[in-house]
């Protein structure tokens, strides 16, 4: 009993040290933010992008992990092959050598188990990042993500916070077959307590990852397999992106196009054609899939009075359906035309490249939809 009591006391003291260290880190971050004359949760200014360095999207994610793990000893990474192999898409390459095998923990092929480890670690004061080798595999962890990760803060009466990040690759486009090409946004959006964000550029990938790690809420970060090799110049200085803010990609007057992740690039390709045809589309990358940034979205709708939603998610029960419902509830009186939503077909993703492309929205379809809305 004495041994057990001693262990309990040691564990309690360790938890107290973690909490004190977290408080010190928060104060230091706030002081740095005040010294820069900006809020710690604000996006970096456009001017800060003029310098910087070029990185690929997966490297930007890695930079965010390294910076946060250096600053906060409670940040740790769990997942299959995240350690010395460096992750299935090399996001965690080199982390095990930098921070050791306890903070970058290779796990067995048991998603429900290591997701549960992440929840337990978060309950005891750590800030775990759980990587799914493929987002489709996280269906095996759905019980932990739903019943524990999303709900424990509420079902415990606020006794526990769950500052966990769940992330991994997903999406259509690499001929990975039906099982490895799923869009799980629609699966997770109905879970109470979860926040969801989708990165689309190296800049917002790093900024959203850092914000997610610092959040006191559980955050699911969606990364698209076809965007990992996008290259962009990002600032050398520290910055984060707000988890609840959309990004204005292209200002316009005639129609609001709401999109996210890979479809951002299909929309921008279509926008070039639309401009040549005399249309002026406003393009918004919603980034925050839950909750929606209705302030930015609403201001755009009040200007254009027309809405097109473009997503890679399934049409039935997808993000687009929820977004359309929110727009109808909040901005119905500002609409001059029915909301249109272009989504992936409700079919399993084929393996053949031509058939795979046929299941997702293409730029020509976006052009045709805008022409119809603006008649």
Foldseek 3Di string as FASTA:
>chain_A
DVVVVVVVVVLVVVLVVLVVLVVVLVVVLCVVCVVVVHGQAAFDDPVLLVDFDKDFQLCLLLVLLVVVCVSHVLEAEEEACCAPNCALLNSNHPVCVVNNCVRYPHDDLQLLVVLLVLQVSQQSNGEYEYEDSAVLSCVSNVCCVAVRQQPVCPVVVNNGFRLYEYEYEEAFDDLPFQSRHADCQLVPQPRHQEWEFEDAGSAQSNQASNVSSPDSTYYYYYYYPVRRGHMGGYGPDDGHHNLAAKDWPFDWAAEEEEEAHPVLVQQVVLQVVVVVVPGTYTYIHQRTLPPTNCVVVVVRCLRRLAYEYFYAHEPPSHSVVVVLVVCCVPPVVSHPFRYHYFYFYPDRQHSDNVSNVVRHDGSVVVNVVSVVRRD
